[in-house]
C-alpha atoms as a PDB file:
ATOM      1  CA  UNK A   1     139.440  71.971  92.705  1.00  0.00           C
ATOM      2  CA  UNK A   2     139.847  74.402  89.805  1.00  0.00           C
ATOM      3  CA  UNK A   3     139.417  78.252  90.452  1.00  0.00           C
ATOM      4  CA  UNK A   4     136.287  77.976  88.399  1.00  0.00           C
ATOM      5  CA  UNK A   5     134.853  75.221  90.587  1.00  0.00           C
ATOM      6  CA  UNK A   6     135.678  77.220  93.645  1.00  0.00           C
ATOM      7  CA  UNK A   7     133.943  80.269  92.263  1.00  0.00           C
ATOM      8  CA  UNK A   8     130.869  78.100  91.333  1.00  0.00           C
ATOM      9  CA  UNK A   9     130.699  76.575  94.912  1.00  0.00           C
ATOM     10  CA  UNK A  10     130.958  79.957  96.334  1.00  0.00           C
ATOM     11  CA  UNK A  11     128.136  81.481  94.128  1.00  0.00           C
ATOM     12  CA  UNK A  12     126.058  78.483  94.844  1.00  0.00           C
ATOM     13  CA  UNK A  13     126.596  78.661  98.625  1.00  0.00           C
ATOM     14  CA  UNK A  14     125.504  82.389  98.605  1.00  0.00           C
ATOM     15  CA  UNK A  15     122.448  81.494  96.586  1.00  0.00           C
ATOM     16  CA  UNK A  16     121.413  78.670  98.878  1.00  0.00           C
ATOM     17  CA  UNK A  17     122.100  81.069 101.934  1.00  0.00           C
ATOM     18  CA  UNK A  18     119.783  83.626 100.284  1.00  0.00           C
ATOM     19  CA  UNK A  19     116.990  81.174  99.484  1.00  0.00           C
ATOM     20  CA  UNK A  20     116.940  80.047 103.018  1.00  0.00           C
ATOM     21  CA  UNK A  21     116.903  83.547 104.364  1.00  0.00           C
ATOM     22  CA  UNK A  22     114.088  84.767 101.613  1.00  0.00           C
ATOM     23  CA  UNK A  23     111.849  82.027 102.810  1.00  0.00           C
ATOM     24  CA  UNK A  24     112.335  82.637 106.696  1.00  0.00           C
ATOM     25  CA  UNK A  25     109.263  84.050 108.571  1.00  0.00           C
ATOM     26  CA  UNK A  26     111.612  86.840 110.263  1.00  0.00           C
ATOM     27  CA  UNK A  27     113.071  88.248 107.026  1.00  0.00           C
ATOM     28  CA  UNK A  28     113.270  91.940 107.676  1.00  0.00           C
ATOM     29  CA  UNK A  29     113.154  94.989 105.249  1.00  0.00           C
ATOM     30  CA  UNK A  30     116.882  95.181 105.487  1.00  0.00           C
ATOM     31  CA  UNK A  31     117.169  91.687 104.200  1.00  0.00           C
ATOM     32  CA  UNK A  32     114.893  92.339 101.203  1.00  0.00           C
ATOM     33  CA  UNK A  33     116.919  95.312 100.277  1.00  0.00           C
ATOM     34  CA  UNK A  34     120.290  93.390 100.644  1.00  0.00           C
ATOM     35  CA  UNK A  35     118.868  90.525  98.471  1.00  0.00           C
ATOM     36  CA  UNK A  36     117.746  92.970  95.650  1.00  0.00           C
ATOM     37  CA  UNK A  37     121.145  94.495  95.662  1.00  0.00           C
ATOM     38  CA  UNK A  38     122.717  90.873  95.418  1.00  0.00           C
ATOM     39  CA  UNK A  39     120.531  89.976  92.717  1.00  0.00           C
ATOM     40  CA  UNK A  40     120.915  93.096  90.627  1.00  0.00           C
ATOM     41  CA  UNK A  41     124.758  92.931  91.229  1.00  0.00           C
ATOM     42  CA  UNK A  42     125.322  90.345  88.513  1.00  0.00           C
ATOM     43  CA  UNK A  43     123.319  88.277  86.229  1.00  0.00           C
ATOM     44  CA  UNK A  44     124.987  84.988  87.526  1.00  0.00           C
ATOM     45  CA  UNK A  45     123.495  85.781  90.959  1.00  0.00           C
ATOM     46  CA  UNK A  46     119.881  85.576  89.670  1.00  0.00           C
ATOM     47  CA  UNK A  47     120.575  82.316  87.641  1.00  0.00           C
ATOM     48  CA  UNK A  48     122.135  80.646  90.831  1.00  0.00           C
ATOM     49  CA  UNK A  49     119.086  82.037  92.940  1.00  0.00           C
ATOM     50  CA  UNK A  50     116.745  80.469  90.517  1.00  0.00           C
ATOM     51  CA  UNK A  51     118.594  77.315  90.372  1.00  0.00           C
ATOM     52  CA  UNK A  52     118.542  76.991  94.256  1.00  0.00           C
ATOM     53  CA  UNK A  53     114.879  77.984  94.472  1.00  0.00           C
ATOM     54  CA  UNK A  54     113.983  75.463  91.900  1.00  0.00           C
ATOM     55  CA  UNK A  55     115.210  72.770  94.244  1.00  0.00           C
ATOM     56  CA  UNK A  56     112.582  73.641  96.784  1.00  0.00           C
ATOM     57  CA  UNK A  57     109.900  72.807  94.221  1.00  0.00           C
ATOM     58  CA  UNK A  58     111.338  69.720  93.014  1.00  0.00           C
ATOM     59  CA  UNK A  59     112.237  70.703  89.529  1.00  0.00           C
ATOM     60  CA  UNK A  60     115.786  68.934  89.685  1.00  0.00           C
ATOM     61  CA  UNK A  61     117.497  65.737  89.584  1.00  0.00           C
ATOM     62  CA  UNK A  62     117.511  63.728  93.085  1.00  0.00           C
ATOM     63  CA  UNK A  63     121.319  64.117  93.218  1.00  0.00           C
ATOM     64  CA  UNK A  64     121.318  67.826  92.736  1.00  0.00           C
ATOM     65  CA  UNK A  65     118.510  68.229  95.248  1.00  0.00           C
ATOM     66  CA  UNK A  66     120.216  66.361  97.817  1.00  0.00           C
ATOM     67  CA  UNK A  67     123.464  68.383  97.394  1.00  0.00           C
ATOM     68  CA  UNK A  68     121.570  71.765  97.951  1.00  0.00           C
ATOM     69  CA  UNK A  69     119.418  70.387 100.847  1.00  0.00           C
ATOM     70  CA  UNK A  70     122.693  69.586 102.367  1.00  0.00           C
ATOM     71  CA  UNK A  71     124.211  72.795 102.016  1.00  0.00           C
ATOM     72  CA  UNK A  72     120.991  74.728 103.021  1.00  0.00           C
ATOM     73  CA  UNK A  73     120.850  72.671 106.075  1.00  0.00           C
ATOM     74  CA  UNK A  74     124.355  73.581 107.030  1.00  0.00           C
ATOM     75  CA  UNK A  75     123.895  77.101 106.302  1.00  0.00           C
ATOM     76  CA  UNK A  76     121.023  77.213 108.463  1.00  0.00           C
ATOM     77  CA  UNK A  77     122.870  75.557 111.300  1.00  0.00           C
ATOM     78  CA  UNK A  78     120.142  72.945 111.722  1.00  0.00           C
ATOM     79  CA  UNK A  79     122.546  69.873 111.467  1.00  0.00           C
ATOM     80  CA  UNK A  80     126.142  68.995 111.875  1.00  0.00           C
ATOM     81  CA  UNK A  81     126.330  66.185 109.259  1.00  0.00           C
ATOM     82  CA  UNK A  82     124.351  67.399 106.362  1.00  0.00           C
ATOM     83  CA  UNK A  83     125.159  64.434 104.076  1.00  0.00           C
ATOM     84  CA  UNK A  84     123.862  62.058 106.605  1.00  0.00           C
ATOM     85  CA  UNK A  85     120.575  63.880 106.899  1.00  0.00           C
ATOM     86  CA  UNK A  86     120.224  64.170 103.378  1.00  0.00           C
ATOM     87  CA  UNK A  87     120.351  60.471 102.917  1.00  0.00           C
ATOM     88  CA  UNK A  88     117.796  59.789 105.875  1.00  0.00           C
ATOM     89  CA  UNK A  89     115.478  62.533 104.385  1.00  0.00           C
ATOM     90  CA  UNK A  90     115.366  60.444 100.875  1.00  0.00           C
ATOM     91  CA  UNK A  91     114.956  57.205 102.851  1.00  0.00           C
ATOM     92  CA  UNK A  92     111.997  58.533 104.772  1.00  0.00           C
ATOM     93  CA  UNK A  93     110.084  60.643 102.544  1.00  0.00           C
ATOM     94  CA  UNK A  94     111.473  60.288  99.008  1.00  0.00           C
ATOM     95  CA  UNK A  95     110.698  63.732  97.896  1.00  0.00           C
ATOM     96  CA  UNK A  96     111.967  67.345  98.946  1.00  0.00           C
ATOM     97  CA  UNK A  97     108.636  68.217 100.641  1.00  0.00           C
ATOM     98  CA  UNK A  98     109.554  65.725 103.462  1.00  0.00           C
ATOM     99  CA  UNK A  99     112.996  66.993 103.713  1.00  0.00           C
ATOM    100  CA  UNK A 100     111.565  70.519 104.152  1.00  0.00           C
ATOM    101  CA  UNK A 101     109.079  69.408 106.727  1.00  0.00           C
ATOM    102  CA  UNK A 102     111.987  67.766 108.665  1.00  0.00           C
ATOM    103  CA  UNK A 103     114.326  70.828 108.126  1.00  0.00           C
ATOM    104  CA  UNK A 104     111.667  73.433 108.734  1.00  0.00           C
ATOM    105  CA  UNK A 105     113.606  75.815 106.742  1.00  0.00           C
ATOM    106  CA  UNK A 106     111.085  77.105 104.156  1.00  0.00           C
ATOM    107  CA  UNK A 107     107.608  77.849 105.248  1.00  0.00           C
ATOM    108  CA  UNK A 108     106.489  79.177 101.903  1.00  0.00           C
ATOM    109  CA  UNK A 109     107.590  77.003  99.148  1.00  0.00           C
ATOM    110  CA  UNK A 110     106.072  78.974  96.327  1.00  0.00           C
ATOM    111  CA  UNK A 111     107.076  82.569  97.647  1.00  0.00           C
ATOM    112  CA  UNK A 112     108.495  84.636  95.142  1.00  0.00           C
ATOM    113  CA  UNK A 113     111.227  87.330  95.274  1.00  0.00           C
ATOM    114  CA  UNK A 114     109.989  90.460  96.942  1.00  0.00           C
ATOM    115  CA  UNK A 115     108.884  93.023  94.362  1.00  0.00           C
ATOM    116  CA  UNK A 116     111.319  95.972  93.565  1.00  0.00           C
ATOM    117  CA  UNK A 117     109.728  99.269  93.060  1.00  0.00           C
ATOM    118  CA  UNK A 118     110.946 102.170  91.051  1.00  0.00           C
ATOM    119  CA  UNK A 119     109.603 105.488  90.852  1.00  0.00           C
ATOM    120  CA  UNK A 120     110.375 108.823  89.216  1.00  0.00           C
ATOM    121  CA  UNK A 121     108.985 112.174  90.217  1.00  0.00           C
ATOM    122  CA  UNK A 122     107.536 114.844  88.113  1.00  0.00           C
ATOM    123  CA  UNK A 123     110.130 115.872  85.641  1.00  0.00           C
ATOM    124  CA  UNK A 124     112.578 113.170  86.396  1.00  0.00           C
ATOM    125  CA  UNK A 125     113.579 110.229  84.353  1.00  0.00           C
ATOM    126  CA  UNK A 126     115.386 106.882  85.352  1.00  0.00           C
ATOM    127  CA  UNK A 127     117.285 104.138  83.636  1.00  0.00           C
ATOM    128  CA  UNK A 128     117.216 100.686  85.484  1.00  0.00           C
ATOM    129  CA  UNK A 129     119.151  97.711  84.305  1.00  0.00           C
ATOM    130  CA  UNK A 130     117.532  94.359  85.709  1.00  0.00           C
ATOM    131  CA  UNK A 131     119.523  91.260  86.536  1.00  0.00           C
ATOM    132  CA  UNK A 132     118.155  89.322  83.321  1.00  0.00           C
ATOM    133  CA  UNK A 133     119.514  92.135  81.160  1.00  0.00           C
ATOM    134  CA  UNK A 134     116.353  93.970  80.486  1.00  0.00           C
ATOM    135  CA  UNK A 135     116.624  97.673  80.614  1.00  0.00           C
ATOM    136  CA  UNK A 136     113.898  99.936  81.765  1.00  0.00           C
ATOM    137  CA  UNK A 137     113.782 103.792  81.005  1.00  0.00           C
ATOM    138  CA  UNK A 138     111.142 105.399  83.340  1.00  0.00           C
ATOM    139  CA  UNK A 139     109.550 108.713  82.088  1.00  0.00           C
ATOM    140  CA  UNK A 140     108.295 111.316  84.353  1.00  0.00           C
ATOM    141  CA  UNK A 141     105.775 110.656  87.333  1.00  0.00           C
ATOM    142  CA  UNK A 142     106.036 106.816  86.985  1.00  0.00           C
ATOM    143  CA  UNK A 143     105.696 104.010  89.380  1.00  0.00           C
ATOM    144  CA  UNK A 144     106.211 100.293  88.594  1.00  0.00           C
ATOM    145  CA  UNK A 145     106.917  97.126  90.392  1.00  0.00           C
ATOM    146  CA  UNK A 146     109.278  94.382  88.970  1.00  0.00           C
ATOM    147  CA  UNK A 147     108.193  90.925  90.133  1.00  0.00           C
ATOM    148  CA  UNK A 148     110.568  88.195  89.010  1.00  0.00           C
ATOM    149  CA  UNK A 149     110.508  84.482  90.107  1.00  0.00           C
ATOM    150  CA  UNK A 150     111.659  81.296  88.870  1.00  0.00           C
ATOM    151  CA  UNK A 151     109.285  80.879  86.174  1.00  0.00           C
ATOM    152  CA  UNK A 152     107.746  84.400  85.653  1.00  0.00           C
ATOM    153  CA  UNK A 153     108.901  87.956  84.861  1.00  0.00           C
ATOM    154  CA  UNK A 154     106.141  90.356  85.620  1.00  0.00           C
ATOM    155  CA  UNK A 155     106.155  94.136  85.583  1.00  0.00           C
ATOM    156  CA  UNK A 156     103.307  96.072  87.172  1.00  0.00           C
ATOM    157  CA  UNK A 157     102.958  99.557  85.761  1.00  0.00           C
ATOM    158  CA  UNK A 158     100.728 101.499  88.249  1.00  0.00           C
ATOM    159  CA  UNK A 159     101.224 104.971  86.403  1.00  0.00           C
ATOM    160  CA  UNK A 160     103.314 106.748  84.050  1.00  0.00           C
ATOM    161  CA  UNK A 161     105.493 105.452  81.134  1.00  0.00           C
ATOM    162  CA  UNK A 162     108.359 103.111  80.730  1.00  0.00           C
ATOM    163  CA  UNK A 163     110.365 102.087  77.716  1.00  0.00           C
ATOM    164  CA  UNK A 164     111.545  98.544  77.542  1.00  0.00           C
ATOM    165  CA  UNK A 165     114.383  96.720  75.929  1.00  0.00           C
ATOM    166  CA  UNK A 166     113.608  93.163  76.954  1.00  0.00           C
ATOM    167  CA  UNK A 167     116.257  90.386  77.321  1.00  0.00           C
ATOM    168  CA  UNK A 168     114.269  87.408  75.554  1.00  0.00           C
ATOM    169  CA  UNK A 169     113.899  84.274  77.427  1.00  0.00           C
ATOM    170  CA  UNK A 170     111.361  81.864  75.929  1.00  0.00           C
ATOM    171  CA  UNK A 171     110.875  79.953  79.124  1.00  0.00           C
ATOM    172  CA  UNK A 172     110.203  83.150  81.196  1.00  0.00           C
ATOM    173  CA  UNK A 173     108.065  85.600  79.022  1.00  0.00           C
ATOM    174  CA  UNK A 174     108.135  89.199  80.379  1.00  0.00           C
ATOM    175  CA  UNK A 175     104.689  90.658  80.884  1.00  0.00           C
ATOM    176  CA  UNK A 176     103.739  94.127  81.374  1.00  0.00           C
ATOM    177  CA  UNK A 177     100.491  94.632  83.648  1.00  0.00           C
ATOM    178  CA  UNK A 178      98.724  97.932  83.340  1.00  0.00           C
ATOM    179  CA  UNK A 179      95.225  97.632  84.770  1.00  0.00           C
ATOM    180  CA  UNK A 180      93.482  94.804  83.037  1.00  0.00           C
ATOM    181  CA  UNK A 181      95.967  95.011  80.158  1.00  0.00           C
ATOM    182  CA  UNK A 182      98.632  92.649  80.024  1.00  0.00           C
ATOM    183  CA  UNK A 183     101.354  93.103  77.150  1.00  0.00           C
ATOM    184  CA  UNK A 184     103.546  90.137  76.643  1.00  0.00           C
ATOM    185  CA  UNK A 185     106.921  90.477  75.112  1.00  0.00           C
ATOM    186  CA  UNK A 186     108.186  88.302  72.199  1.00  0.00           C
ATOM    187  CA  UNK A 187     111.925  89.685  72.124  1.00  0.00           C
ATOM    188  CA  UNK A 188     111.045  93.330  72.006  1.00  0.00           C
ATOM    189  CA  UNK A 189     111.772  97.041  72.453  1.00  0.00           C
ATOM    190  CA  UNK A 190     108.531  98.751  73.288  1.00  0.00           C
ATOM    191  CA  UNK A 191     107.145 101.485  75.156  1.00  0.00           C
ATOM    192  CA  UNK A 192     103.981 101.584  77.404  1.00  0.00           C
ATOM    193  CA  UNK A 193     102.182 104.666  78.545  1.00  0.00           C
ATOM    194  CA  UNK A 194      99.366 104.494  81.435  1.00  0.00           C
ATOM    195  CA  UNK A 195      97.717 107.843  81.422  1.00  0.00           C
ATOM    196  CA  UNK A 196      94.251 109.466  81.232  1.00  0.00           C
ATOM    197  CA  UNK A 197      92.312 106.177  81.441  1.00  0.00           C
ATOM    198  CA  UNK A 198      94.314 104.466  78.495  1.00  0.00           C
ATOM    199  CA  UNK A 199      97.191 102.176  78.034  1.00  0.00           C
ATOM    200  CA  UNK A 200      99.266 103.216  74.673  1.00  0.00           C
ATOM    201  CA  UNK A 201     101.640 100.758  73.593  1.00  0.00           C
ATOM    202  CA  UNK A 202     104.195 101.433  70.822  1.00  0.00           C
ATOM    203  CA  UNK A 203     106.546  98.854  69.390  1.00  0.00           C
ATOM    204  CA  UNK A 204     109.932  99.629  68.027  1.00  0.00           C
ATOM    205  CA  UNK A 205     111.265  96.166  67.306  1.00  0.00           C
ATOM    206  CA  UNK A 206     110.000  92.728  67.654  1.00  0.00           C
ATOM    207  CA  UNK A 207     106.334  91.941  68.703  1.00  0.00           C
ATOM    208  CA  UNK A 208     104.098  92.368  71.474  1.00  0.00           C
ATOM    209  CA  UNK A 209     100.867  90.497  72.337  1.00  0.00           C
ATOM    210  CA  UNK A 210      97.879  92.351  73.757  1.00  0.00           C
ATOM    211  CA  UNK A 211      96.160  90.292  76.351  1.00  0.00           C
ATOM    212  CA  UNK A 212      93.470  90.748  79.088  1.00  0.00           C
ATOM    213  CA  UNK A 213      94.271  89.845  82.458  1.00  0.00           C
ATOM    214  CA  UNK A 214      91.934  86.669  82.258  1.00  0.00           C
ATOM    215  CA  UNK A 215      93.449  85.694  78.959  1.00  0.00           C
ATOM    216  CA  UNK A 216      97.158  85.000  79.946  1.00  0.00           C
ATOM    217  CA  UNK A 217      96.916  81.335  79.534  1.00  0.00           C
ATOM    218  CA  UNK A 218      95.587  81.804  75.915  1.00  0.00           C
ATOM    219  CA  UNK A 219      97.504  82.182  72.622  1.00  0.00           C
ATOM    220  CA  UNK A 220      96.748  85.725  71.521  1.00  0.00           C
ATOM    221  CA  UNK A 221      94.715  86.380  68.308  1.00  0.00           C
ATOM    222  CA  UNK A 222      96.541  87.635  65.448  1.00  0.00           C
ATOM    223  CA  UNK A 223      94.750  90.845  65.566  1.00  0.00           C
ATOM    224  CA  UNK A 224      96.180  91.231  69.070  1.00  0.00           C
ATOM    225  CA  UNK A 225      99.827  91.226  68.024  1.00  0.00           C
ATOM    226  CA  UNK A 226     101.623  94.383  67.605  1.00  0.00           C
ATOM    227  CA  UNK A 227     104.655  94.428  65.311  1.00  0.00           C
ATOM    228  CA  UNK A 228     107.292  97.275  64.866  1.00  0.00           C
ATOM    229  CA  UNK A 229     105.811 100.552  63.920  1.00  0.00           C
ATOM    230  CA  UNK A 230     102.480  99.583  65.507  1.00  0.00           C
ATOM    231  CA  UNK A 231     100.661 101.502  68.222  1.00  0.00           C
ATOM    232  CA  UNK A 232      97.618 100.584  70.166  1.00  0.00           C
ATOM    233  CA  UNK A 233      95.608 102.650  72.532  1.00  0.00           C
ATOM    234  CA  UNK A 234      93.717 100.329  74.826  1.00  0.00           C
ATOM    235  CA  UNK A 235      90.791 101.932  76.697  1.00  0.00           C
ATOM    236  CA  UNK A 236      90.998 100.895  80.383  1.00  0.00           C
ATOM    237  CA  UNK A 237      87.282 100.842  81.030  1.00  0.00           C
ATOM    238  CA  UNK A 238      86.438  98.733  77.807  1.00  0.00           C
ATOM    239  CA  UNK A 239      89.593  96.736  76.991  1.00  0.00           C
ATOM    240  CA  UNK A 240      88.753  98.010  73.348  1.00  0.00           C
ATOM    241  CA  UNK A 241      92.062  98.844  71.518  1.00  0.00           C
ATOM    242  CA  UNK A 242      92.697 101.128  68.467  1.00  0.00           C
ATOM    243  CA  UNK A 243      95.467 100.318  66.488  1.00  0.00           C
ATOM    244  CA  UNK A 244      97.580 102.518  64.027  1.00  0.00           C
ATOM    245  CA  UNK A 245     100.994 102.769  62.357  1.00  0.00           C
ATOM    246  CA  UNK A 246     103.312 105.353  63.628  1.00  0.00           C
ATOM    247  CA  UNK A 247     106.882 106.600  62.868  1.00  0.00           C
ATOM    248  CA  UNK A 248     109.217 105.135  65.451  1.00  0.00           C
ATOM    249  CA  UNK A 249     112.640 106.365  65.408  1.00  0.00           C
ATOM    250  CA  UNK A 250     115.959 104.817  67.127  1.00  0.00           C
ATOM    251  CA  UNK A 251     114.564 106.285  70.491  1.00  0.00           C
ATOM    252  CA  UNK A 252     111.146 107.112  71.627  1.00  0.00           C
ATOM    253  CA  UNK A 253     110.141 110.693  71.477  1.00  0.00           C
ATOM    254  CA  UNK A 254     110.249 111.569  75.156  1.00  0.00           C
ATOM    255  CA  UNK A 255     113.747 110.104  75.605  1.00  0.00           C
ATOM    256  CA  UNK A 256     114.881 112.645  73.242  1.00  0.00           C
ATOM    257  CA  UNK A 257     113.267 115.353  75.293  1.00  0.00           C
ATOM    258  CA  UNK A 258     110.288 115.785  72.920  1.00  0.00           C
ATOM    259  CA  UNK A 259     106.594 115.323  73.001  1.00  0.00           C
ATOM    260  CA  UNK A 260     105.298 114.623  69.433  1.00  0.00           C
ATOM    261  CA  UNK A 261     101.242 115.219  69.048  1.00  0.00           C
ATOM    262  CA  UNK A 262      99.392 114.135  65.992  1.00  0.00           C
ATOM    263  CA  UNK A 263      95.969 115.401  65.660  1.00  0.00           C
ATOM    264  CA  UNK A 264      95.378 115.561  69.232  1.00  0.00           C
ATOM    265  CA  UNK A 265      92.985 117.769  71.072  1.00  0.00           C
ATOM    266  CA  UNK A 266      94.605 120.591  73.068  1.00  0.00           C
ATOM    267  CA  UNK A 267      92.701 119.123  76.220  1.00  0.00           C
ATOM    268  CA  UNK A 268      94.944 115.934  75.741  1.00  0.00           C
ATOM    269  CA  UNK A 269      97.938 117.806  75.068  1.00  0.00           C
ATOM    270  CA  UNK A 270      97.584 119.791  78.289  1.00  0.00           C
ATOM    271  CA  UNK A 271      96.949 116.659  80.307  1.00  0.00           C
ATOM    272  CA  UNK A 272     100.133 114.972  78.969  1.00  0.00           C
ATOM    273  CA  UNK A 273     102.235 118.044  79.403  1.00  0.00           C
ATOM    274  CA  UNK A 274     101.181 118.266  83.083  1.00  0.00           C
ATOM    275  CA  UNK A 275     102.975 114.971  83.548  1.00  0.00           C
ATOM    276  CA  UNK A 276     106.431 116.812  83.139  1.00  0.00           C
ATOM    277  CA  UNK A 277     105.980 119.943  84.907  1.00  0.00           C
ATOM    278  CA  UNK A 278     104.957 121.150  88.475  1.00  0.00           C
ATOM    279  CA  UNK A 279     102.572 124.020  87.825  1.00  0.00           C
ATOM    280  CA  UNK A 280      99.623 122.496  86.004  1.00  0.00           C
ATOM    281  CA  UNK A 281      98.455 124.108  82.546  1.00  0.00           C
ATOM    282  CA  UNK A 282      94.502 124.355  82.522  1.00  0.00           C
ATOM    283  CA  UNK A 283      92.216 124.958  79.585  1.00  0.00           C
ATOM    284  CA  UNK A 284      88.530 125.306  79.259  1.00  0.00           C
ATOM    285  CA  UNK A 285      86.374 123.037  77.439  1.00  0.00           C
ATOM    286  CA  UNK A 286      85.691 125.024  74.395  1.00  0.00           C
ATOM    287  CA  UNK A 287      89.639 125.845  74.125  1.00  0.00           C
ATOM    288  CA  UNK A 288      90.441 122.222  74.693  1.00  0.00           C
ATOM    289  CA  UNK A 289      88.730 121.159  71.421  1.00  0.00           C
ATOM    290  CA  UNK A 290      91.490 122.852  69.345  1.00  0.00           C
ATOM    291  CA  UNK A 291      93.438 120.422  67.165  1.00  0.00           C
ATOM    292  CA  UNK A 292      97.157 120.021  67.730  1.00  0.00           C
ATOM    293  CA  UNK A 293      99.998 118.623  65.707  1.00  0.00           C
ATOM    294  CA  UNK A 294     103.222 119.634  66.809  1.00  0.00           C
ATOM    295  CA  UNK A 295     106.688 118.574  68.232  1.00  0.00           C
ATOM    296  CA  UNK A 296     107.237 120.434  71.469  1.00  0.00           C
ATOM    297  CA  UNK A 297     110.776 120.230  73.077  1.00  0.00           C
ATOM    298  CA  UNK A 298     110.312 119.449  76.704  1.00  0.00           C
ATOM    299  CA  UNK A 299     113.037 121.996  78.161  1.00  0.00           C
ATOM    300  CA  UNK A 300     110.981 124.563  80.260  1.00  0.00           C
ATOM    301  CA  UNK A 301     107.483 124.994  80.926  1.00  0.00           C
ATOM    302  CA  UNK A 302     107.594 128.657  79.858  1.00  0.00           C
ATOM    303  CA  UNK A 303     109.064 127.624  76.413  1.00  0.00           C
ATOM    304  CA  UNK A 304     106.394 124.966  75.822  1.00  0.00           C
ATOM    305  CA  UNK A 305     103.562 127.469  76.574  1.00  0.00           C
ATOM    306  CA  UNK A 306     105.180 130.032  74.300  1.00  0.00           C
ATOM    307  CA  UNK A 307     105.321 127.502  71.429  1.00  0.00           C
ATOM    308  CA  UNK A 308     101.745 126.412  71.882  1.00  0.00           C
ATOM    309  CA  UNK A 309     100.875 130.157  71.810  1.00  0.00           C
ATOM    310  CA  UNK A 310     102.831 130.711  68.342  1.00  0.00           C
ATOM    311  CA  UNK A 311     100.880 128.079  66.506  1.00  0.00           C
ATOM    312  CA  UNK A 312      97.499 128.154  68.067  1.00  0.00           C
ATOM    313  CA  UNK A 313      94.994 130.768  68.781  1.00  0.00           C
ATOM    314  CA  UNK A 314      95.479 130.750  72.363  1.00  0.00           C
ATOM    315  CA  UNK A 315      96.532 133.096  75.019  1.00  0.00           C
ATOM    316  CA  UNK A 316      98.211 132.264  78.292  1.00  0.00           C
ATOM    317  CA  UNK A 317      97.800 133.933  81.770  1.00  0.00           C
ATOM    318  CA  UNK A 318      99.639 132.720  84.715  1.00  0.00           C
ATOM    319  CA  UNK A 319      98.551 132.887  88.403  1.00  0.00           C
ATOM    320  CA  UNK A 320     100.352 131.331  91.574  1.00  0.00           C
ATOM    321  CA  UNK A 321      98.677 128.039  91.107  1.00  0.00           C
ATOM    322  CA  UNK A 322      98.370 127.351  87.168  1.00  0.00           C
ATOM    323  CA  UNK A 323      98.897 128.594  83.666  1.00  0.00           C
ATOM    324  CA  UNK A 324      95.654 129.015  82.147  1.00  0.00           C
ATOM    325  CA  UNK A 325      95.179 128.822  78.392  1.00  0.00           C
ATOM    326  CA  UNK A 326      92.251 130.684  76.429  1.00  0.00           C
ATOM    327  CA  UNK A 327      91.286 130.940  72.876  1.00  0.00           C
ATOM    328  CA  UNK A 328      91.916 134.381  71.449  1.00  0.00           C
ATOM    329  CA  UNK A 329      88.906 136.612  70.910  1.00  0.00           C
END
């Protein structure tokens, strides 16, 4: 047997062992962490895991299925002669389901990989490389879940902002879920911000289809597809989207340590800046109506507030709990 064949067999054996363990009723938190680390260590691990898992749903040729059932049974210690059992299973049932019933190895055939959770604290960013080659860059105060299975790639954005450089896979499109909004990749680099009751999508390259949670099986209308340089702000309450064209450089603004505002109210700017700093900035309703067009460097809160005072008619006072901006008399 060649070295390549030995390596393939070893990886297949590992993947089968993990499939067996992942579907066991007594899988522990430590097991989930260990499986996540193994899947993220090498894209080949995820491919092998998916191949083994497809066996359990019957998405393989019978000969392949029999080989994996044999190996899985042996790994689980259920039988001493897996080849003989495999032949008996196919004679009795003619399907994988019967084999599973006899082996009692996998109580949940359709169970998917446990979600991977990534978070950042206020003022923190984080880069994550997923097993399929997709790269995530999490901005400040962000929480998301990665839910991959044999047929789907889903990312659920609970809060905050993430920039994605997606590894395209036509058979497993990647979707970002932000409330009821679903953003489906078409081989893309794009940014998703969920903040202040809205989801903002900015496309750097490729295209993104904007869908609602109940529309994921439908082809998107042409006016619901965003291309490079497009930005859409989706109101979470109504699902309505406002589109515009924006300047998108090689990196998104916040990845360069900047916040760019174009004709935004000061109230919105303050709300956005509060994602980056521990001490909140406060503004009254009237002062919050001031229009802001600016590029702010997100170095320190003191510096940011000073710049706001430089080009707006506002003055800042600071207490132990907050920085308060008021319009100058």
